[in-house]
Amino acid sequence: VIQVGDNHNACRIRGDNNRNYSLRVPHNGCGTRHVVSSGSFFNTLFIRYHPSLEMEGDQLKSIVCKFGTGSVYVG
């Protein structure tokens, strides 16, 4: 099971022995936090090897998306 943030079906996928998976992490859902001052988005990715038990080898990964908007001059 791979999950980000909230315990909601849209925020997780369940493995089926494939080698590659894709999970879309929205910037406004699934527990994503936005820090306006730095222009960054943060979330935590949980990789579990059993759907309901914590097991040795389970992993937590922090996801950080940083971007700059450049300078804006008004006047």
Protein backbone atom coordinates (compact mmCIF):
# COMPACT_ATOMS: atom_id res chain seq x y z
CA VAL A 1 0.00 0.00 0.00
CA ILE A 2 1.30 3.43 -0.94
CA GLN A 3 -0.48 6.36 0.67
CA VAL A 4 -0.03 10.10 1.10
CA GLY A 5 -1.56 12.16 3.89
CA ASP A 6 -5.20 11.42 4.56
CA ASN A 7 -6.53 7.88 4.92
CA HIS A 8 -8.77 8.26 1.88
CA ASN A 9 -9.03 6.04 -1.21
CA ALA A 10 -8.07 8.89 -3.57
CA CYS A 11 -4.81 9.27 -1.63
CA ARG A 12 -3.54 5.69 -1.90
CA ILE A 13 -2.91 2.80 -4.22
CA ARG A 14 -2.66 -0.90 -3.50
CA GLY A 15 0.10 -2.89 -5.13
CA ASP A 16 -0.50 -5.85 -7.42
CA ASN A 17 3.08 -7.09 -7.95
CA ASN A 18 3.96 -4.58 -10.67
CA ARG A 19 7.37 -2.92 -10.63
CA ASN A 20 6.17 0.65 -11.19
CA TYR A 21 3.27 2.66 -9.81
CA SER A 22 2.07 6.22 -10.16
CA LEU A 23 0.25 8.13 -7.43
CA ARG A 24 -0.92 11.67 -8.11
CA VAL A 25 -0.36 13.95 -5.10
CA PRO A 26 -2.60 17.04 -5.35
CA HIS A 27 -1.37 20.37 -4.03
CA ASN A 28 -4.75 21.02 -2.39
CA GLY A 29 -5.72 17.65 -0.92
CA CYS A 30 -4.50 14.37 0.61
CA GLY A 31 -2.89 16.23 3.52
CA THR A 32 -0.60 18.42 1.41
CA ARG A 33 0.51 21.49 3.35
CA HIS A 34 1.39 24.79 1.65
CA VAL A 35 3.88 27.21 3.20
CA VAL A 36 3.21 30.51 1.46
CA SER A 37 6.35 32.29 2.69
CA SER A 38 8.66 29.75 1.02
CA GLY A 39 6.35 28.79 -1.86
CA SER A 40 6.68 25.14 -0.84
CA PHE A 41 4.31 22.19 -0.61
CA PHE A 42 4.91 19.32 1.85
CA ASN A 43 3.45 15.85 2.30
CA THR A 44 4.43 12.44 3.66
CA LEU A 45 4.46 9.26 1.59
CA PHE A 46 3.80 5.99 3.45
CA ILE A 47 5.01 2.75 1.85
CA ARG A 48 3.59 -0.28 3.66
CA TYR A 49 4.15 -3.93 2.89
CA HIS A 50 0.93 -5.09 4.57
CA PRO A 51 -2.41 -3.28 4.16
CA SER A 52 -3.25 -3.08 7.87
CA LEU A 53 -0.13 -4.00 9.90
CA GLU A 54 3.05 -2.04 10.57
CA MET A 55 5.94 -4.20 9.46
CA GLU A 56 9.71 -4.02 9.44
CA GLY A 57 10.74 -2.38 6.20
CA ASP A 58 7.75 -0.03 5.98
CA GLN A 59 8.93 3.42 4.92
CA LEU A 60 8.00 7.09 5.38
CA LYS A 61 9.24 9.57 2.80
CA SER A 62 8.88 13.34 2.94
CA ILE A 63 7.81 14.98 -0.30
CA VAL A 64 8.78 18.62 -0.80
CA CYS A 65 7.97 20.72 -3.84
CA LYS A 66 9.72 24.11 -3.88
CA PHE A 67 9.20 26.70 -6.54
CA GLY A 68 9.92 30.37 -6.98
CA THR A 69 7.69 32.91 -8.63
CA GLY A 70 10.47 35.40 -9.27
CA SER A 71 10.26 39.09 -8.53
CA VAL A 72 7.04 40.97 -9.07
CA TYR A 73 7.09 44.75 -9.35
CA VAL A 74 3.90 46.76 -9.00
CA GLY A 75 3.78 50.43 -9.87
